[in-house]
Every structure is written in C-alpha cells, then in structure tokens.
C-alpha atoms as a PDB file:
ATOM      1  CA  UNK A   1     106.530  89.850  43.207  1.00  0.00           C
ATOM      2  CA  UNK A   2     103.590  90.661  40.908  1.00  0.00           C
ATOM      3  CA  UNK A   3     104.797  94.186  40.201  1.00  0.00           C
ATOM      4  CA  UNK A   4     108.394  92.971  39.829  1.00  0.00           C
ATOM      5  CA  UNK A   5     107.308  90.512  37.126  1.00  0.00           C
ATOM      6  CA  UNK A   6     105.384  93.280  35.372  1.00  0.00           C
ATOM      7  CA  UNK A   7     108.370  95.638  35.579  1.00  0.00           C
ATOM      8  CA  UNK A   8     110.528  92.916  34.039  1.00  0.00           C
ATOM      9  CA  UNK A   9     107.957  92.407  31.278  1.00  0.00           C
ATOM     10  CA  UNK A  10     107.998  96.130  30.520  1.00  0.00           C
ATOM     11  CA  UNK A  11     111.793  96.373  30.519  1.00  0.00           C
ATOM     12  CA  UNK A  12     112.252  93.347  28.249  1.00  0.00           C
ATOM     13  CA  UNK A  13     109.501  94.520  25.877  1.00  0.00           C
ATOM     14  CA  UNK A  14     111.134  97.946  25.591  1.00  0.00           C
ATOM     15  CA  UNK A  15     114.502  96.362  24.854  1.00  0.00           C
ATOM     16  CA  UNK A  16     112.911  94.072  22.241  1.00  0.00           C
ATOM     17  CA  UNK A  17     111.169  96.997  20.572  1.00  0.00           C
ATOM     18  CA  UNK A  18     114.361  99.046  20.490  1.00  0.00           C
ATOM     19  CA  UNK A  19     116.150  95.998  19.053  1.00  0.00           C
ATOM     20  CA  UNK A  20     113.451  95.803  16.396  1.00  0.00           C
ATOM     21  CA  UNK A  21     114.237  99.399  15.458  1.00  0.00           C
ATOM     22  CA  UNK A  22     117.977  98.675  15.494  1.00  0.00           C
ATOM     23  CA  UNK A  23     117.483  95.723  13.136  1.00  0.00           C
ATOM     24  CA  UNK A  24     116.598  98.152  10.323  1.00  0.00           C
ATOM     25  CA  UNK A  25     113.742  96.027   9.015  1.00  0.00           C
ATOM     26  CA  UNK A  26     115.697  92.849   9.830  1.00  0.00           C
ATOM     27  CA  UNK A  27     118.398  93.854   7.356  1.00  0.00           C
ATOM     28  CA  UNK A  28     120.794  93.570  10.318  1.00  0.00           C
ATOM     29  CA  UNK A  29     120.157  89.916  11.081  1.00  0.00           C
ATOM     30  CA  UNK A  30     122.079  89.902  14.362  1.00  0.00           C
ATOM     31  CA  UNK A  31     119.100  91.692  15.951  1.00  0.00           C
ATOM     32  CA  UNK A  32     116.584  88.936  15.137  1.00  0.00           C
ATOM     33  CA  UNK A  33     117.446  86.856  18.217  1.00  0.00           C
ATOM     34  CA  UNK A  34     117.165  89.710  20.756  1.00  0.00           C
ATOM     35  CA  UNK A  35     113.844  90.748  19.222  1.00  0.00           C
ATOM     36  CA  UNK A  36     112.373  87.237  19.323  1.00  0.00           C
ATOM     37  CA  UNK A  37     113.694  86.337  22.768  1.00  0.00           C
ATOM     38  CA  UNK A  38     112.717  89.720  24.159  1.00  0.00           C
ATOM     39  CA  UNK A  39     109.090  89.460  23.086  1.00  0.00           C
ATOM     40  CA  UNK A  40     108.805  85.857  24.288  1.00  0.00           C
ATOM     41  CA  UNK A  41     110.324  86.786  27.664  1.00  0.00           C
ATOM     42  CA  UNK A  42     108.064  89.814  27.923  1.00  0.00           C
ATOM     43  CA  UNK A  43     104.901  87.809  27.320  1.00  0.00           C
ATOM     44  CA  UNK A  44     106.100  85.173  29.794  1.00  0.00           C
ATOM     45  CA  UNK A  45     106.669  87.792  32.507  1.00  0.00           C
ATOM     46  CA  UNK A  46     103.307  89.380  31.740  1.00  0.00           C
ATOM     47  CA  UNK A  47     101.736  85.932  32.169  1.00  0.00           C
ATOM     48  CA  UNK A  48     103.574  85.546  35.501  1.00  0.00           C
ATOM     49  CA  UNK A  49     102.157  88.813  36.799  1.00  0.00           C
ATOM     50  CA  UNK A  50      98.654  87.772  35.709  1.00  0.00           C
ATOM     51  CA  UNK A  51      99.024  84.315  37.245  1.00  0.00           C
ATOM     52  CA  UNK A  52     100.018  85.943  40.544  1.00  0.00           C
ATOM     53  CA  UNK A  53      96.676  87.731  40.632  1.00  0.00           C
ATOM     54  CA  UNK A  54      97.169  91.094  38.975  1.00  0.00           C
ATOM     55  CA  UNK A  55      93.988  92.143  37.136  1.00  0.00           C
ATOM     56  CA  UNK A  56      94.439  91.969  33.363  1.00  0.00           C
ATOM     57  CA  UNK A  57      93.171  95.521  32.835  1.00  0.00           C
ATOM     58  CA  UNK A  58      95.794  96.925  35.180  1.00  0.00           C
ATOM     59  CA  UNK A  59      98.632  94.695  33.955  1.00  0.00           C
ATOM     60  CA  UNK A  60      98.009  95.253  30.262  1.00  0.00           C
ATOM     61  CA  UNK A  61      97.347  98.965  30.709  1.00  0.00           C
ATOM     62  CA  UNK A  62     100.536  99.564  32.656  1.00  0.00           C
ATOM     63  CA  UNK A  63     102.558  97.266  30.370  1.00  0.00           C
ATOM     64  CA  UNK A  64     101.537  98.945  27.137  1.00  0.00           C
ATOM     65  CA  UNK A  65     101.506 102.506  28.469  1.00  0.00           C
ATOM     66  CA  UNK A  66     104.924 102.280  30.050  1.00  0.00           C
ATOM     67  CA  UNK A  67     106.263 100.532  26.966  1.00  0.00           C
ATOM     68  CA  UNK A  68     105.042 103.270  24.619  1.00  0.00           C
ATOM     69  CA  UNK A  69     106.340 106.065  26.828  1.00  0.00           C
ATOM     70  CA  UNK A  70     109.739 104.489  27.488  1.00  0.00           C
ATOM     71  CA  UNK A  71     110.326 103.569  23.846  1.00  0.00           C
ATOM     72  CA  UNK A  72     109.531 107.120  22.730  1.00  0.00           C
ATOM     73  CA  UNK A  73     111.853 108.645  25.322  1.00  0.00           C
ATOM     74  CA  UNK A  74     114.739 106.210  24.832  1.00  0.00           C
ATOM     75  CA  UNK A  75     114.466 106.325  21.017  1.00  0.00           C
ATOM     76  CA  UNK A  76     114.942 110.088  21.237  1.00  0.00           C
ATOM     77  CA  UNK A  77     118.393 109.594  22.712  1.00  0.00           C
ATOM     78  CA  UNK A  78     119.488 106.327  21.086  1.00  0.00           C
ATOM     79  CA  UNK A  79     118.138 106.840  17.544  1.00  0.00           C
ATOM     80  CA  UNK A  80     117.747 110.652  17.507  1.00  0.00           C
ATOM     81  CA  UNK A  81     114.039 110.283  16.792  1.00  0.00           C
ATOM     82  CA  UNK A  82     111.830 113.310  17.354  1.00  0.00           C
ATOM     83  CA  UNK A  83     110.180 113.889  20.704  1.00  0.00           C
ATOM     84  CA  UNK A  84     107.913 116.899  20.326  1.00  0.00           C
ATOM     85  CA  UNK A  85     105.920 118.714  22.971  1.00  0.00           C
ATOM     86  CA  UNK A  86     102.779 117.077  21.563  1.00  0.00           C
ATOM     87  CA  UNK A  87     104.368 113.660  22.096  1.00  0.00           C
ATOM     88  CA  UNK A  88     105.347 114.752  25.612  1.00  0.00           C
ATOM     89  CA  UNK A  89     101.749 115.734  26.269  1.00  0.00           C
ATOM     90  CA  UNK A  90     100.664 112.326  25.008  1.00  0.00           C
ATOM     91  CA  UNK A  91     103.090 110.641  27.380  1.00  0.00           C
ATOM     92  CA  UNK A  92     101.693 112.752  30.226  1.00  0.00           C
ATOM     93  CA  UNK A  93      98.184 111.620  29.273  1.00  0.00           C
ATOM     94  CA  UNK A  94      99.366 108.004  29.249  1.00  0.00           C
ATOM     95  CA  UNK A  95     100.775 108.421  32.762  1.00  0.00           C
ATOM     96  CA  UNK A  96      97.526 110.066  33.899  1.00  0.00           C
ATOM     97  CA  UNK A  97      95.519 107.221  32.386  1.00  0.00           C
ATOM     98  CA  UNK A  98      97.612 104.551  34.078  1.00  0.00           C
ATOM     99  CA  UNK A  99      97.331 106.361  37.415  1.00  0.00           C
ATOM    100  CA  UNK A 100      93.563 106.618  36.953  1.00  0.00           C
ATOM    101  CA  UNK A 101      93.299 102.893  36.259  1.00  0.00           C
ATOM    102  CA  UNK A 102      95.513 102.086  39.228  1.00  0.00           C
ATOM    103  CA  UNK A 103      93.626 104.366  41.609  1.00  0.00           C
ATOM    104  CA  UNK A 104      90.263 102.995  40.534  1.00  0.00           C
ATOM    105  CA  UNK A 105      91.526  99.491  41.285  1.00  0.00           C
ATOM    106  CA  UNK A 106      92.522 100.575  44.792  1.00  0.00           C
ATOM    107  CA  UNK A 107      88.990 101.779  45.562  1.00  0.00           C
ATOM    108  CA  UNK A 108      87.492  98.310  45.439  1.00  0.00           C
END
C-alpha cells in the first residue's frame, strides 16, 4: 500500500505539472483547477506513503526523480519539447540515483 500511494502521488504530480505547462502561464484558465487539485492530491498521497512508514529520503527521492524523468519524457511527445541525449543521460543518472538510494535502504 505504501508504494501504491507513492505511485499515485507521482502520477498525479506528473499530470499536474503537464497541466501547468498546458495552461500557458495560466492564460488558459481551464487548466487552473487540474493544476491545483493535482498538486494537492499529490502531496496528500505523498503524506499517506510517509504515514505508512516509508522513509522520507526514499519517498521524496523517488517522487521527485520519477516526476522529473516522466515529465521530460511525456513532454517530448505531448508538447514536442526537446529530449536530447544529454537529457537522456541525466534521466539515466536519476534512475541510478534512485536505485542506489533504494538499495542502501534495503541493506539496513
């Protein structure tokens, strides 16, 4: 249940961030509600995963890293934003960092 709550937090945060981009600086006012509700729901689900015992370093690391990587990848296809090999290498480093954090937590 802890990881499910975190996955939900990541998914909702990604959708809120993409909605923020779609709002065009809030010039498209219809996007304000999805942005606001998405971020509130994301923080709530992050809180749920923490309250169920997930260490904050793991939860926040995975949440932010996955969010950054997913937004960059999805924005490439939805908004035609650039996704260079350097950005791909950065995403690979993010994944490696998250795996390192997760594996170090399993040692204890």
